[in-house]
Amino acid sequence: AAYAVASLLLFWPGLAIPFRWVGLRVSIVLLRIMPSIATAMVMAMVILGMATAWPAHTDHQFVRLILLVIAGMLTYGGISLLTQRALLKDIIRTVLNR
C-alpha cells in the first residue's frame, strides 16, 4: 500500500520534470492520450465482466485466457476504429512504411 501511495505522489513530478526539459506539459500530453485511456478502461470493464461470468476454477484455463485476450483485442480495436480512426490510420501507415 505504501508503494502505491508513493507511486501516485511521484507520478506528476516524475513526468513534469523530464517533460519540461523537452518543452512539453504533462496536462497537454494526458489530454491527448485520454481517448486511449478511456478505450482501455472500457476494454477492461468488458474483460472483467467476461472473466466474472466465466469462473476461473474451470479446467479450461488456457482456453479462457485465449478467449479473454481475443475479446480484449477485438473490444479495443473496435472502439478505437469508431473513436480514433485518424490515429489508427497513422499507426497503420507508420507500420506499413517500415
Protein backbone atom coordinates (compact mmCIF):
# COMPACT_ATOMS: atom_id res chain seq x y z
CA ALA A 1 0.00 0.00 0.00
CA ALA A 2 2.82 2.40 0.81
CA TYR A 3 4.43 1.73 -2.56
CA ALA A 4 1.16 2.56 -4.35
CA VAL A 5 0.76 5.81 -2.43
CA ALA A 6 4.37 6.80 -3.11
CA SER A 7 3.95 5.98 -6.81
CA LEU A 8 0.84 8.14 -7.05
CA LEU A 9 2.53 11.02 -5.24
CA LEU A 10 5.58 10.86 -7.52
CA PHE A 11 3.65 10.36 -10.77
CA TRP A 12 3.17 14.03 -11.65
CA PRO A 13 6.68 15.26 -10.74
CA GLY A 14 8.15 12.18 -12.36
CA LEU A 15 6.63 13.29 -15.65
CA ALA A 16 6.72 17.07 -15.22
CA ILE A 17 10.48 17.37 -14.76
CA PRO A 18 11.59 15.43 -17.88
CA PHE A 19 8.73 16.89 -19.93
CA ARG A 20 9.89 20.38 -19.03
CA TRP A 21 13.34 19.54 -20.40
CA VAL A 22 11.85 18.82 -23.82
CA GLY A 23 9.25 21.58 -23.78
CA LEU A 24 6.11 19.56 -23.06
CA ARG A 25 3.38 19.98 -20.47
CA VAL A 26 2.02 16.94 -18.66
CA SER A 27 -1.58 18.16 -18.80
CA ILE A 28 -1.48 18.53 -22.60
CA VAL A 29 0.03 15.06 -23.06
CA LEU A 30 -2.54 13.48 -20.72
CA LEU A 31 -5.38 15.20 -22.58
CA ARG A 32 -4.03 13.87 -25.88
CA ILE A 33 -3.90 10.28 -24.63
CA MET A 34 -7.26 10.44 -22.81
CA PRO A 35 -9.18 8.71 -25.67
CA SER A 36 -6.78 5.77 -25.46
CA ILE A 37 -7.12 5.65 -21.68
CA ALA A 38 -10.93 5.70 -21.94
CA THR A 39 -10.84 2.94 -24.57
CA ALA A 40 -8.60 0.83 -22.33
CA MET A 41 -10.98 1.34 -19.40
CA VAL A 42 -13.96 0.17 -21.46
CA MET A 43 -11.97 -2.85 -22.62
CA ALA A 44 -11.05 -3.63 -19.01
CA MET A 45 -14.71 -3.48 -17.97
CA VAL A 46 -15.69 -5.85 -20.80
CA ILE A 47 -12.93 -8.31 -19.87
CA LEU A 48 -13.80 -8.08 -16.18
CA GLY A 49 -17.43 -8.84 -17.00
CA MET A 50 -16.47 -11.82 -19.14
CA ALA A 51 -13.99 -13.10 -16.55
CA THR A 52 -16.65 -12.83 -13.84
CA ALA A 53 -19.21 -14.67 -15.96
CA TRP A 54 -16.72 -17.46 -16.74
CA PRO A 55 -15.43 -18.74 -13.38
CA ALA A 56 -11.69 -19.13 -13.00
CA HIS A 57 -11.90 -22.53 -11.33
CA THR A 58 -12.78 -24.36 -14.55
CA ASP A 59 -10.45 -26.90 -16.15
CA HIS A 60 -10.01 -24.91 -19.35
CA GLN A 61 -7.80 -22.08 -18.09
CA PHE A 62 -5.74 -21.77 -21.28
CA VAL A 63 -8.86 -21.54 -23.46
CA ARG A 64 -10.28 -18.95 -21.05
CA LEU A 65 -7.10 -16.89 -21.28
CA ILE A 66 -7.01 -17.03 -25.08
CA LEU A 67 -10.68 -16.05 -25.39
CA LEU A 68 -10.30 -13.17 -22.92
CA VAL A 69 -7.25 -11.88 -24.81
CA ILE A 70 -9.07 -12.11 -28.14
CA ALA A 71 -12.12 -10.38 -26.66
CA GLY A 72 -9.88 -7.61 -25.32
CA MET A 73 -8.19 -7.14 -28.67
CA LEU A 74 -11.49 -7.02 -30.53
CA THR A 75 -13.05 -4.65 -27.99
CA TYR A 76 -10.10 -2.25 -28.00
CA GLY A 77 -9.74 -2.43 -31.79
CA GLY A 78 -13.44 -1.92 -32.41
CA ILE A 79 -13.76 1.05 -30.08
CA SER A 80 -10.57 2.55 -31.50
CA LEU A 81 -11.89 2.11 -35.01
CA LEU A 82 -15.03 4.02 -34.07
CA THR A 83 -13.46 6.79 -31.98
CA GLN A 84 -9.83 7.15 -33.09
CA ARG A 85 -9.85 6.45 -36.80
CA ALA A 86 -7.21 9.10 -37.65
CA LEU A 87 -4.81 7.70 -35.04
CA LEU A 88 -5.26 4.17 -36.34
CA LYS A 89 -4.58 5.33 -39.90
CA ASP A 90 -1.35 6.98 -38.73
CA ILE A 91 -0.28 3.82 -36.90
CA ILE A 92 -1.03 1.58 -39.89
CA ARG A 93 0.75 3.98 -42.25
CA THR A 94 3.80 4.02 -39.95
CA VAL A 95 3.91 0.23 -39.63
CA LEU A 96 3.50 -0.40 -43.35
CA ASN A 97 6.18 2.14 -44.33
CA ARG A 98 8.91 0.36 -42.37
